[in-house]
Amino acid sequence: MCTDPLTQSKTDLSDLIEHISLKDSPVGIDAQYTHAIIISYLQQISARLDRLEARLNQEQGKDA
């Protein structure tokens, strides 16, 4: 099971943060951490969709 990104620390998400970092951000929130959480959720959703689509394709193949 995937880890909930909201329970992960900034260190846990450091690889994602490194990809999207911008040192001189005028944003008042921790944009790196926020985006890393969002990207992590999107990766989890994508992986779930891939699994569901594979299972659906497998089920449809059995019916043919």
PDB file of N, CA and C in Angstrom:
ATOM      1  N   MET A   1       0.837  -1.185   0.000  1.00  0.00           N
ATOM      2  CA  MET A   1       0.000   0.000   0.000  1.00  0.00           C
ATOM      3  C   MET A   1       0.884   1.252   0.000  1.00  0.00           C
ATOM      4  N   CYS A   2       0.450   2.279  -0.659  1.00  0.00           N
ATOM      5  CA  CYS A   2       1.209   3.519  -0.770  1.00  0.00           C
ATOM      6  C   CYS A   2       1.098   4.333   0.518  1.00  0.00           C
ATOM      7  N   THR A   3       2.145   5.062   0.802  1.00  0.00           N
ATOM      8  CA  THR A   3       2.163   5.925   1.972  1.00  0.00           C
ATOM      9  C   THR A   3       1.442   7.226   1.663  1.00  0.00           C
ATOM     10  N   ASP A   4       0.630   7.666   2.584  1.00  0.00           N
ATOM     11  CA  ASP A   4      -0.073   8.938   2.430  1.00  0.00           C
ATOM     12  C   ASP A   4       0.963  10.063   2.440  1.00  0.00           C
ATOM     13  N   PRO A   5       1.043  10.855   1.363  1.00  0.00           N
ATOM     14  CA  PRO A   5       2.039  11.920   1.300  1.00  0.00           C
ATOM     15  C   PRO A   5       1.938  12.932   2.441  1.00  0.00           C
ATOM     16  N   LEU A   6       0.742  13.115   2.997  1.00  0.00           N
ATOM     17  CA  LEU A   6       0.604  14.063   4.101  1.00  0.00           C
ATOM     18  C   LEU A   6       1.269  13.566   5.378  1.00  0.00           C
ATOM     19  N   THR A   7       1.575  12.284   5.431  1.00  0.00           N
ATOM     20  CA  THR A   7       2.251  11.739   6.607  1.00  0.00           C
ATOM     21  C   THR A   7       3.770  11.682   6.406  1.00  0.00           C
ATOM     22  N   GLN A   8       4.230  12.031   5.199  1.00  0.00           N
ATOM     23  CA  GLN A   8       5.658  11.991   4.910  1.00  0.00           C
ATOM     24  C   GLN A   8       6.312  13.327   5.272  1.00  0.00           C
ATOM     25  N   SER A   9       7.540  13.249   5.700  1.00  0.00           N
ATOM     26  CA  SER A   9       8.292  14.461   6.009  1.00  0.00           C
ATOM     27  C   SER A   9       8.863  15.075   4.739  1.00  0.00           C
ATOM     28  N   LYS A  10       9.351  16.280   4.877  1.00  0.00           N
ATOM     29  CA  LYS A  10       9.997  16.949   3.745  1.00  0.00           C
ATOM     30  C   LYS A  10      11.219  16.137   3.287  1.00  0.00           C
ATOM     31  N   THR A  11      11.906  15.521   4.232  1.00  0.00           N
ATOM     32  CA  THR A  11      13.062  14.679   3.905  1.00  0.00           C
ATOM     33  C   THR A  11      12.626  13.471   3.080  1.00  0.00           C
ATOM     34  N   ASP A  12      11.491  12.870   3.445  1.00  0.00           N
ATOM     35  CA  ASP A  12      10.978  11.718   2.705  1.00  0.00           C
ATOM     36  C   ASP A  12      10.672  12.078   1.250  1.00  0.00           C
ATOM     37  N   LEU A  13      10.286  13.329   1.032  1.00  0.00           N
ATOM     38  CA  LEU A  13       9.906  13.786  -0.304  1.00  0.00           C
ATOM     39  C   LEU A  13      11.038  14.548  -0.998  1.00  0.00           C
ATOM     40  N   SER A  14      12.245  14.449  -0.464  1.00  0.00           N
ATOM     41  CA  SER A  14      13.360  15.264  -0.947  1.00  0.00           C
ATOM     42  C   SER A  14      13.686  15.031  -2.428  1.00  0.00           C
ATOM     43  N   ASP A  15      13.516  13.813  -2.926  1.00  0.00           N
ATOM     44  CA  ASP A  15      13.789  13.567  -4.350  1.00  0.00           C
ATOM     45  C   ASP A  15      12.847  14.373  -5.236  1.00  0.00           C
ATOM     46  N   LEU A  16      11.571  14.389  -4.872  1.00  0.00           N
ATOM     47  CA  LEU A  16      10.616  15.194  -5.630  1.00  0.00           C
ATOM     48  C   LEU A  16      10.918  16.680  -5.489  1.00  0.00           C
ATOM     49  N   ILE A  17      11.227  17.092  -4.281  1.00  0.00           N
ATOM     50  CA  ILE A  17      11.511  18.507  -4.027  1.00  0.00           C
ATOM     51  C   ILE A  17      12.710  18.964  -4.842  1.00  0.00           C
ATOM     52  N   GLU A  18      13.726  18.118  -4.945  1.00  0.00           N
ATOM     53  CA  GLU A  18      14.920  18.462  -5.715  1.00  0.00           C
ATOM     54  C   GLU A  18      14.576  18.729  -7.182  1.00  0.00           C
ATOM     55  N   HIS A  19      13.614  17.989  -7.711  1.00  0.00           N
ATOM     56  CA  HIS A  19      13.220  18.158  -9.112  1.00  0.00           C
ATOM     57  C   HIS A  19      12.475  19.468  -9.359  1.00  0.00           C
ATOM     58  N   ILE A  20      11.822  20.006  -8.339  1.00  0.00           N
ATOM     59  CA  ILE A  20      10.975  21.190  -8.544  1.00  0.00           C
ATOM     60  C   ILE A  20      11.467  22.401  -7.764  1.00  0.00           C
ATOM     61  N   SER A  21      12.663  22.342  -7.222  1.00  0.00           N
ATOM     62  CA  SER A  21      13.133  23.413  -6.344  1.00  0.00           C
ATOM     63  C   SER A  21      13.442  24.707  -7.103  1.00  0.00           C
ATOM     64  N   LEU A  22      13.164  25.807  -6.420  1.00  0.00           N
ATOM     65  CA  LEU A  22      13.474  27.145  -6.900  1.00  0.00           C
ATOM     66  C   LEU A  22      13.802  27.975  -5.662  1.00  0.00           C
ATOM     67  N   LYS A  23      15.051  28.350  -5.510  1.00  0.00           N
ATOM     68  CA  LYS A  23      15.520  28.988  -4.281  1.00  0.00           C
ATOM     69  C   LYS A  23      14.850  30.325  -3.985  1.00  0.00           C
ATOM     70  N   ASP A  24      14.550  31.116  -4.989  1.00  0.00           N
ATOM     71  CA  ASP A  24      14.042  32.474  -4.765  1.00  0.00           C
ATOM     72  C   ASP A  24      12.537  32.579  -4.991  1.00  0.00           C
ATOM     73  N   SER A  25      11.766  31.735  -4.312  1.00  0.00           N
ATOM     74  CA  SER A  25      10.316  31.736  -4.484  1.00  0.00           C
ATOM     75  C   SER A  25       9.660  32.767  -3.567  1.00  0.00           C
ATOM     76  N   PRO A  26       8.804  33.635  -4.112  1.00  0.00           N
ATOM     77  CA  PRO A  26       8.115  34.634  -3.299  1.00  0.00           C
ATOM     78  C   PRO A  26       6.829  34.099  -2.654  1.00  0.00           C
ATOM     79  N   VAL A  27       6.540  32.829  -2.836  1.00  0.00           N
ATOM     80  CA  VAL A  27       5.299  32.249  -2.326  1.00  0.00           C
ATOM     81  C   VAL A  27       5.353  32.139  -0.807  1.00  0.00           C
ATOM     82  N   GLY A  28       4.252  32.444  -0.161  1.00  0.00           N
ATOM     83  CA  GLY A  28       4.216  32.454   1.294  1.00  0.00           C
ATOM     84  C   GLY A  28       4.094  31.090   1.936  1.00  0.00           C
ATOM     85  N   ILE A  29       3.783  30.052   1.163  1.00  0.00           N
ATOM     86  CA  ILE A  29       3.701  28.706   1.722  1.00  0.00           C
ATOM     87  C   ILE A  29       4.935  27.925   1.298  1.00  0.00           C
ATOM     88  N   ASP A  30       5.080  26.752   1.869  1.00  0.00           N
ATOM     89  CA  ASP A  30       6.182  25.884   1.476  1.00  0.00           C
ATOM     90  C   ASP A  30       5.778  25.196   0.179  1.00  0.00           C
ATOM     91  N   ALA A  31       5.979  25.878  -0.916  1.00  0.00           N
ATOM     92  CA  ALA A  31       5.521  25.400  -2.220  1.00  0.00           C
ATOM     93  C   ALA A  31       6.181  24.086  -2.606  1.00  0.00           C
ATOM     94  N   GLN A  32       7.444  23.909  -2.274  1.00  0.00           N
ATOM     95  CA  GLN A  32       8.131  22.662  -2.621  1.00  0.00           C
ATOM     96  C   GLN A  32       7.435  21.474  -1.963  1.00  0.00           C
ATOM     97  N   TYR A  33       7.203  21.593  -0.674  1.00  0.00           N
ATOM     98  CA  TYR A  33       6.577  20.501   0.071  1.00  0.00           C
ATOM     99  C   TYR A  33       5.161  20.243  -0.443  1.00  0.00           C
ATOM    100  N   THR A  34       4.416  21.316  -0.675  1.00  0.00           N
ATOM    101  CA  THR A  34       3.050  21.194  -1.171  1.00  0.00           C
ATOM    102  C   THR A  34       3.013  20.504  -2.528  1.00  0.00           C
ATOM    103  N   HIS A  35       3.869  20.920  -3.418  1.00  0.00           N
ATOM    104  CA  HIS A  35       3.912  20.300  -4.744  1.00  0.00           C
ATOM    105  C   HIS A  35       4.391  18.856  -4.670  1.00  0.00           C
ATOM    106  N   ALA A  36       5.320  18.573  -3.800  1.00  0.00           N
ATOM    107  CA  ALA A  36       5.801  17.200  -3.648  1.00  0.00           C
ATOM    108  C   ALA A  36       4.662  16.297  -3.175  1.00  0.00           C
ATOM    109  N   ILE A  37       3.832  16.790  -2.270  1.00  0.00           N
ATOM    110  CA  ILE A  37       2.674  16.026  -1.811  1.00  0.00           C
ATOM    111  C   ILE A  37       1.727  15.769  -2.976  1.00  0.00           C
ATOM    112  N   ILE A  38       1.432  16.803  -3.735  1.00  0.00           N
ATOM    113  CA  ILE A  38       0.512  16.671  -4.872  1.00  0.00           C
ATOM    114  C   ILE A  38       1.067  15.690  -5.897  1.00  0.00           C
ATOM    115  N   ILE A  39       2.345  15.807  -6.230  1.00  0.00           N
ATOM    116  CA  ILE A  39       2.959  14.912  -7.204  1.00  0.00           C
ATOM    117  C   ILE A  39       2.939  13.471  -6.697  1.00  0.00           C
ATOM    118  N   SER A  40       3.195  13.297  -5.418  1.00  0.00           N
ATOM    119  CA  SER A  40       3.179  11.958  -4.842  1.00  0.00           C
ATOM    120  C   SER A  40       1.786  11.338  -4.949  1.00  0.00           C
ATOM    121  N   TYR A  41       0.758  12.118  -4.630  1.00  0.00           N
ATOM    122  CA  TYR A  41      -0.610  11.624  -4.800  1.00  0.00           C
ATOM    123  C   TYR A  41      -0.886  11.270  -6.263  1.00  0.00           C
ATOM    124  N   LEU A  42      -0.473  12.115  -7.182  1.00  0.00           N
ATOM    125  CA  LEU A  42      -0.700  11.850  -8.606  1.00  0.00           C
ATOM    126  C   LEU A  42       0.015  10.571  -9.053  1.00  0.00           C
ATOM    127  N   GLN A  43       1.209  10.336  -8.534  1.00  0.00           N
ATOM    128  CA  GLN A  43       1.932   9.112  -8.871  1.00  0.00           C
ATOM    129  C   GLN A  43       1.180   7.884  -8.350  1.00  0.00           C
ATOM    130  N   GLN A  44       0.631   8.013  -7.138  1.00  0.00           N
ATOM    131  CA  GLN A  44      -0.135   6.908  -6.575  1.00  0.00           C
ATOM    132  C   GLN A  44      -1.398   6.645  -7.398  1.00  0.00           C
ATOM    133  N   ILE A  45      -2.086   7.705  -7.791  1.00  0.00           N
ATOM    134  CA  ILE A  45      -3.297   7.574  -8.604  1.00  0.00           C
ATOM    135  C   ILE A  45      -2.963   6.927  -9.941  1.00  0.00           C
ATOM    136  N   SER A  46      -1.890   7.366 -10.557  1.00  0.00           N
ATOM    137  CA  SER A  46      -1.473   6.801 -11.834  1.00  0.00           C
ATOM    138  C   SER A  46      -1.175   5.312 -11.704  1.00  0.00           C
ATOM    139  N   ALA A  47      -0.484   4.933 -10.647  1.00  0.00           N
ATOM    140  CA  ALA A  47      -0.160   3.523 -10.429  1.00  0.00           C
ATOM    141  C   ALA A  47      -1.432   2.701 -10.214  1.00  0.00           C
ATOM    142  N   ARG A  48      -2.370   3.247  -9.462  1.00  0.00           N
ATOM    143  CA  ARG A  48      -3.647   2.543  -9.244  1.00  0.00           C
ATOM    144  C   ARG A  48      -4.401   2.384 -10.553  1.00  0.00           C
ATOM    145  N   LEU A  49      -4.429   3.425 -11.362  1.00  0.00           N
ATOM    146  CA  LEU A  49      -5.110   3.343 -12.657  1.00  0.00           C
ATOM    147  C   LEU A  49      -4.462   2.293 -13.547  1.00  0.00           C
ATOM    148  N   ASP A  50      -3.146   2.246 -13.555  1.00  0.00           N
ATOM    149  CA  ASP A  50      -2.434   1.238 -14.347  1.00  0.00           C
ATOM    150  C   ASP A  50      -2.831  -0.168 -13.907  1.00  0.00           C
ATOM    151  N   ARG A  51      -2.886  -0.391 -12.588  1.00  0.00           N
ATOM    152  CA  ARG A  51      -3.273  -1.709 -12.077  1.00  0.00           C
ATOM    153  C   ARG A  51      -4.721  -2.040 -12.442  1.00  0.00           C
ATOM    154  N   LEU A  52      -5.614  -1.069 -12.283  1.00  0.00           N
ATOM    155  CA  LEU A  52      -7.023  -1.294 -12.614  1.00  0.00           C
ATOM    156  C   LEU A  52      -7.215  -1.572 -14.097  1.00  0.00           C
ATOM    157  N   GLU A  53      -6.513  -0.818 -14.937  1.00  0.00           N
ATOM    158  CA  GLU A  53      -6.621  -1.034 -16.379  1.00  0.00           C
ATOM    159  C   GLU A  53      -6.077  -2.406 -16.771  1.00  0.00           C
ATOM    160  N   ALA A  54      -4.990  -2.815 -16.162  1.00  0.00           N
ATOM    161  CA  ALA A  54      -4.421  -4.131 -16.455  1.00  0.00           C
ATOM    162  C   ALA A  54      -5.398  -5.226 -16.033  1.00  0.00           C
ATOM    163  N   ARG A  55      -6.013  -5.050 -14.862  1.00  0.00           N
ATOM    164  CA  ARG A  55      -6.978  -6.041 -14.392  1.00  0.00           C
ATOM    165  C   ARG A  55      -8.207  -6.075 -15.300  1.00  0.00           C
ATOM    166  N   LEU A  56      -8.679  -4.909 -15.718  1.00  0.00           N
ATOM    167  CA  LEU A  56      -9.825  -4.830 -16.621  1.00  0.00           C
ATOM    168  C   LEU A  56      -9.512  -5.505 -17.952  1.00  0.00           C
ATOM    169  N   ASN A  57      -8.342  -5.226 -18.497  1.00  0.00           N
ATOM    170  CA  ASN A  57      -7.930  -5.855 -19.757  1.00  0.00           C
ATOM    171  C   ASN A  57      -7.833  -7.369 -19.607  1.00  0.00           C
ATOM    172  N   GLN A  58      -7.346  -7.810 -18.454  1.00  0.00           N
ATOM    173  CA  GLN A  58      -7.227  -9.238 -18.187  1.00  0.00           C
ATOM    174  C   GLN A  58      -8.621  -9.873 -18.091  1.00  0.00           C
ATOM    175  N   GLU A  59      -9.540  -9.204 -17.416  1.00  0.00           N
ATOM    176  CA  GLU A  59     -10.919  -9.692 -17.291  1.00  0.00           C
ATOM    177  C   GLU A  59     -11.597  -9.755 -18.658  1.00  0.00           C
ATOM    178  N   GLN A  60     -11.387  -8.733 -19.469  1.00  0.00           N
ATOM    179  CA  GLN A  60     -11.999  -8.699 -20.793  1.00  0.00           C
ATOM    180  C   GLN A  60     -11.426  -9.790 -21.690  1.00  0.00           C
ATOM    181  N   GLY A  61     -10.175 -10.112 -21.511  1.00  0.00           N
ATOM    182  CA  GLY A  61      -9.551 -11.181 -22.278  1.00  0.00           C
ATOM    183  C   GLY A  61     -10.131 -12.537 -21.946  1.00  0.00           C
ATOM    184  N   LYS A  62     -10.539 -12.735 -20.694  1.00  0.00           N
ATOM    185  CA  LYS A  62     -11.154 -13.994 -20.272  1.00  0.00           C
ATOM    186  C   LYS A  62     -12.531 -14.184 -20.887  1.00  0.00           C
ATOM    187  N   ASP A  63     -13.233 -13.066 -21.090  1.00  0.00           N
ATOM    188  CA  ASP A  63     -14.596 -13.109 -21.631  1.00  0.00           C
ATOM    189  C   ASP A  63     -14.628 -13.351 -23.139  1.00  0.00           C
ATOM    190  N   ALA A  64     -13.535 -13.124 -23.810  1.00  0.00           N
ATOM    191  CA  ALA A  64     -13.512 -13.235 -25.275  1.00  0.00           C
ATOM    192  C   ALA A  64     -13.512 -14.662 -25.741  1.00  0.00           C
TER     193      ALA A  64
END
